[in-house]
Amino acid sequence: MDQDQNRWLADRLAAFEKWADEVEPEDLEPASLESMGAIAALVNQQDEINQALARAVADARKRGRSWSEIGKMLGVSKQAAHRKYGSTTPVQLAS
């Protein structure tokens, strides 16, 4: 596991522990561990996809694509695309 994944996992575990400390026992219902594992795996995949998407946007900009074009591909306005990806640095993309 890389450092970002370890941090992600530590954050999720801390959030789960906080929830466990605050939940009322009578509010608990049996839950499938399989479904909880699927949620955790999908969130991890989502983080990886978001990083890959940021790298792809940075590459498109490097190749001269406009924020309008990128926004169109993302399904958002050029302003929204720029706001989300415009300040992404190469160091952030490497992780």
Protein backbone atom coordinates (compact mmCIF):
# COMPACT_ATOMS: atom_id res chain seq x y z
CA MET A 1 0.00 0.00 0.00
CA ASP A 2 1.29 3.46 -0.79
CA GLN A 3 1.23 6.38 1.64
CA ASP A 4 -2.02 7.86 0.24
CA GLN A 5 -3.82 4.53 0.55
CA ASN A 6 -2.54 4.12 4.12
CA ARG A 7 -3.78 7.62 4.97
CA TRP A 8 -7.12 6.88 3.30
CA LEU A 9 -7.51 3.66 5.25
CA ALA A 10 -6.52 5.33 8.54
CA ASP A 11 -9.09 8.08 7.93
CA ARG A 12 -11.83 5.54 7.19
CA LEU A 13 -10.95 3.49 10.27
CA ALA A 14 -10.98 6.60 12.47
CA ALA A 15 -14.39 7.60 11.10
CA PHE A 16 -15.71 4.09 11.72
CA GLU A 17 -14.36 4.07 15.30
CA LYS A 18 -15.99 7.46 15.97
CA TRP A 19 -19.28 6.14 14.61
CA ALA A 20 -18.98 2.98 16.73
CA ASP A 21 -18.42 5.07 19.87
CA GLU A 22 -21.50 7.19 19.17
CA VAL A 23 -24.03 4.68 17.82
CA GLU A 24 -26.78 3.44 20.08
CA PRO A 25 -26.82 -0.38 20.33
CA GLU A 26 -30.58 -0.51 19.70
CA ASP A 27 -30.02 1.28 16.36
CA LEU A 28 -27.73 -1.48 15.07
CA GLU A 29 -28.95 -3.98 12.54
CA PRO A 30 -27.07 -6.96 11.13
CA ALA A 31 -25.26 -5.97 7.95
CA SER A 32 -23.49 -8.00 5.36
CA LEU A 33 -19.74 -7.60 5.70
CA GLU A 34 -19.53 -8.26 1.99
CA SER A 35 -21.49 -5.10 1.21
CA MET A 36 -19.35 -3.01 3.59
CA GLY A 37 -16.19 -4.36 1.96
CA ALA A 38 -17.61 -3.51 -1.45
CA ILE A 39 -18.23 0.07 -0.32
CA ALA A 40 -14.66 0.42 0.94
CA ALA A 41 -13.23 -1.06 -2.26
CA LEU A 42 -15.32 1.21 -4.47
CA VAL A 43 -14.33 4.32 -2.52
CA ASN A 44 -10.69 3.33 -2.96
CA GLN A 45 -11.25 2.83 -6.71
CA GLN A 46 -12.97 6.21 -6.86
CA ASP A 47 -9.88 7.87 -5.36
CA GLU A 48 -7.66 6.16 -7.94
CA ILE A 49 -10.00 7.18 -10.77
CA ASN A 50 -10.05 10.79 -9.57
CA GLN A 51 -6.24 10.87 -9.59
CA ALA A 52 -6.12 9.34 -13.08
CA LEU A 53 -8.71 11.85 -14.29
CA ALA A 54 -6.65 14.75 -12.91
CA ARG A 55 -3.59 13.42 -14.74
CA ALA A 56 -5.59 13.11 -17.97
CA VAL A 57 -6.88 16.68 -17.64
CA ALA A 58 -3.35 17.96 -16.99
CA ASP A 59 -2.15 16.09 -20.08
CA ALA A 60 -4.98 17.52 -22.19
CA ARG A 61 -4.07 21.03 -21.05
CA LYS A 62 -0.40 20.37 -21.79
CA ARG A 63 -1.44 19.32 -25.31
CA GLY A 64 -3.33 22.57 -25.83
CA ARG A 65 -6.92 21.56 -25.12
CA SER A 66 -9.15 24.36 -23.84
CA TRP A 67 -11.08 24.38 -20.59
CA SER A 68 -14.25 24.48 -22.69
CA GLU A 69 -13.32 21.21 -24.41
CA ILE A 70 -12.30 19.57 -21.14
CA GLY A 71 -15.45 20.78 -19.41
CA LYS A 72 -17.54 19.34 -22.23
CA MET A 73 -15.89 15.92 -21.80
CA LEU A 74 -16.42 16.08 -18.04
CA GLY A 75 -20.04 17.16 -18.42
CA VAL A 76 -19.45 20.45 -16.59
CA SER A 77 -18.84 24.09 -17.50
CA LYS A 78 -15.37 25.30 -18.43
CA GLN A 79 -15.37 27.28 -15.17
CA ALA A 80 -16.16 24.19 -13.11
CA ALA A 81 -13.44 22.19 -14.89
CA HIS A 82 -10.89 24.95 -14.32
CA ARG A 83 -11.94 25.38 -10.69
CA LYS A 84 -11.49 21.68 -9.99
CA TYR A 85 -8.38 20.93 -12.05
CA GLY A 86 -6.77 24.28 -12.80
CA SER A 87 -4.61 24.40 -9.71
CA THR A 88 -3.51 20.76 -9.78
CA THR A 89 0.27 20.62 -9.55
CA PRO A 90 2.58 17.93 -10.96
CA VAL A 91 3.40 16.86 -7.38
CA GLN A 92 -0.30 16.24 -6.66
CA LEU A 93 -0.62 14.24 -9.87
CA ALA A 94 2.31 11.97 -9.04
CA SER A 95 0.60 10.50 -6.00
